[in-house]
Amino acid sequence: MANRSLHSGYILGLDVGEKRIGVAVASVIARLPQPVETITVDASTLERIGRLVKEKKATLIVIGIPRNLEGNETPQSREIREFAAQLQEAINVPIEFADESLSSVRADSAHHQVHFRNASRDSLAACFILQEFLGTIKR
């Protein structure tokens, strides 16, 4: 996706964890990720993400992939890719991946700022994942 350009629409960003999934959204035009919510992982997770895709009119989903210090994917990365495959089967929206390195650390730091206090750490991490992805696409 990094070599293609997106001209319109909304992107849903996901920070996928074992217990929770942080969700953020950004307009391709404005490129300002906003925290949406945190989803508790359970039997209805895929359905909830599908509803968010429709509500937010998302044309793309970006999921954060963790990497180790050498830049290689981790066992958690494989689990996230498996989740993405299940999500892809459940919805008809393209899925891309973005490096989530330090997104949680940045979310912890941002969470202390006044305008982010009502957002969860997970949804803020999803914002940083989206920001990373948006920096890779052409305008």
Protein backbone atom coordinates (compact mmCIF):
# COMPACT_ATOMS: atom_id res chain seq x y z
CA MET A 1 0.00 0.00 0.00
CA ALA A 2 2.88 2.38 0.70
CA ASN A 3 3.51 2.92 -3.01
CA ARG A 4 -0.17 3.55 -3.82
CA SER A 5 -2.05 6.67 -2.98
CA LEU A 6 -5.37 7.04 -1.22
CA HIS A 7 -7.48 10.05 -2.14
CA SER A 8 -10.59 9.79 0.01
CA GLY A 9 -12.38 7.77 2.64
CA TYR A 10 -11.70 6.76 6.19
CA ILE A 11 -9.22 4.32 7.67
CA LEU A 12 -9.88 2.33 10.81
CA GLY A 13 -6.77 1.65 12.89
CA LEU A 14 -6.55 -1.29 15.28
CA ASP A 15 -4.13 -1.98 18.12
CA VAL A 16 -4.82 -5.67 18.67
CA GLY A 17 -4.08 -7.18 22.06
CA GLU A 18 -5.01 -10.43 23.76
CA LYS A 19 -7.73 -8.83 25.92
CA ARG A 20 -8.51 -5.51 24.23
CA ILE A 21 -8.42 -3.86 20.81
CA GLY A 22 -7.88 -0.13 20.58
CA VAL A 23 -9.71 1.55 17.71
CA ALA A 24 -8.97 4.84 15.97
CA VAL A 25 -10.19 6.45 12.76
CA ALA A 26 -8.71 8.95 10.34
CA SER A 27 -9.84 10.67 7.19
CA VAL A 28 -7.43 10.11 4.33
CA ILE A 29 -7.75 13.81 3.50
CA ALA A 30 -7.35 15.34 6.99
CA ARG A 31 -4.89 12.68 8.19
CA LEU A 32 -5.68 13.34 11.85
CA PRO A 33 -6.24 10.06 13.71
CA GLN A 34 -8.86 10.23 16.46
CA PRO A 35 -9.42 7.65 19.21
CA VAL A 36 -12.75 5.85 18.89
CA GLU A 37 -13.06 3.17 21.56
CA THR A 38 -11.60 0.05 23.09
CA ILE A 39 -13.21 -3.30 22.33
CA THR A 40 -13.00 -6.18 24.78
CA VAL A 41 -11.94 -9.33 22.95
CA ASP A 42 -14.75 -11.90 23.08
CA ALA A 43 -17.03 -13.86 20.76
CA SER A 44 -18.56 -10.66 19.32
CA THR A 45 -15.27 -8.90 18.47
CA LEU A 46 -15.37 -9.45 14.70
CA GLU A 47 -19.01 -8.40 14.57
CA ARG A 48 -18.26 -5.21 16.56
CA ILE A 49 -15.40 -4.27 14.23
CA GLY A 50 -17.69 -4.91 11.25
CA ARG A 51 -20.26 -2.49 12.71
CA LEU A 52 -17.55 0.12 13.28
CA VAL A 53 -16.40 -0.23 9.67
CA LYS A 54 -19.95 0.56 8.55
CA GLU A 55 -20.52 3.36 11.09
CA LYS A 56 -17.24 5.08 10.25
CA LYS A 57 -17.55 4.34 6.51
CA ALA A 58 -14.06 2.85 6.57
CA THR A 59 -12.59 1.75 3.25
CA LEU A 60 -9.42 0.32 4.79
CA ILE A 61 -8.33 -1.23 8.09
CA VAL A 62 -4.78 -0.83 9.38
CA ILE A 63 -3.58 -3.23 12.05
CA GLY A 64 -0.42 -2.70 14.07
CA ILE A 65 2.23 -5.43 13.90
CA PRO A 66 4.83 -5.68 16.67
CA ARG A 67 8.49 -6.18 15.82
CA ASN A 68 11.47 -7.01 17.99
CA LEU A 69 14.58 -4.82 18.33
CA GLU A 70 16.06 -6.36 15.16
CA GLY A 71 12.92 -5.40 13.21
CA ASN A 72 11.67 -8.97 12.88
CA GLU A 73 8.15 -10.10 13.59
CA THR A 74 7.43 -11.83 16.89
CA PRO A 75 5.18 -14.72 17.98
CA GLN A 76 2.57 -12.04 18.82
CA SER A 77 2.86 -10.80 15.22
CA ARG A 78 1.78 -14.22 13.95
CA GLU A 79 -1.23 -14.19 16.28
CA ILE A 80 -2.22 -10.76 15.00
CA ARG A 81 -1.90 -11.92 11.38
CA GLU A 82 -4.16 -14.89 12.22
CA PHE A 83 -6.70 -12.49 13.76
CA ALA A 84 -6.47 -10.31 10.62
CA ALA A 85 -7.20 -13.35 8.43
CA GLN A 86 -10.32 -14.10 10.50
CA LEU A 87 -11.36 -10.45 10.29
CA GLN A 88 -10.82 -10.44 6.52
CA GLU A 89 -13.16 -13.43 6.18
CA ALA A 90 -15.82 -11.63 8.25
CA ILE A 91 -15.75 -8.27 6.45
CA ASN A 92 -15.16 -7.08 2.91
CA VAL A 93 -12.64 -4.29 3.55
CA PRO A 94 -8.94 -4.43 2.68
CA ILE A 95 -6.50 -4.84 5.57
CA GLU A 96 -2.98 -3.42 5.71
CA PHE A 97 -0.36 -3.64 8.43
CA ALA A 98 1.77 -0.94 10.04
CA ASP A 99 4.68 -1.09 12.44
CA GLU A 100 3.40 -0.57 15.96
CA SER A 101 6.82 -0.07 17.53
CA LEU A 102 6.57 2.23 20.53
CA SER A 103 2.88 2.96 19.92
CA SER A 104 2.02 1.91 23.48
CA VAL A 105 4.87 3.97 24.93
CA ARG A 106 3.71 7.00 22.93
CA ALA A 107 0.11 6.33 24.03
CA ASP A 108 1.17 6.29 27.69
CA SER A 109 2.88 9.64 27.22
CA ALA A 110 -0.03 11.19 25.32
CA HIS A 111 -2.61 9.89 27.80
CA HIS A 112 -1.41 12.46 30.33
CA GLN A 113 -2.23 15.35 27.99
CA VAL A 114 -5.52 17.07 28.78
CA HIS A 115 -7.18 16.53 25.38
CA PHE A 116 -6.50 12.75 25.50
CA ARG A 117 -7.50 12.01 29.09
CA ASN A 118 -10.87 10.51 28.10
CA ALA A 119 -9.30 8.21 25.50
CA SER A 120 -8.03 4.77 26.46
CA ARG A 121 -4.39 3.84 26.15
CA ASP A 122 -5.40 1.22 23.56
CA SER A 123 -7.29 3.65 21.33
CA LEU A 124 -4.41 6.13 21.56
CA ALA A 125 -1.99 3.38 20.49
CA ALA A 126 -4.30 2.78 17.51
CA CYS A 127 -3.98 6.50 16.68
CA PHE A 128 -0.19 6.21 16.57
CA ILE A 129 -0.42 3.10 14.39
CA LEU A 130 -2.64 5.04 11.97
CA GLN A 131 -0.29 8.01 12.07
CA GLU A 132 2.62 5.70 11.17
CA PHE A 133 0.65 4.25 8.25
CA LEU A 134 -0.53 7.62 6.97
CA GLY A 135 3.09 8.75 6.82
CA THR A 136 3.80 5.98 4.30
CA ILE A 137 1.13 6.77 1.72
CA LYS A 138 1.18 9.36 -1.02
CA ARG A 139 -1.27 12.22 -0.96
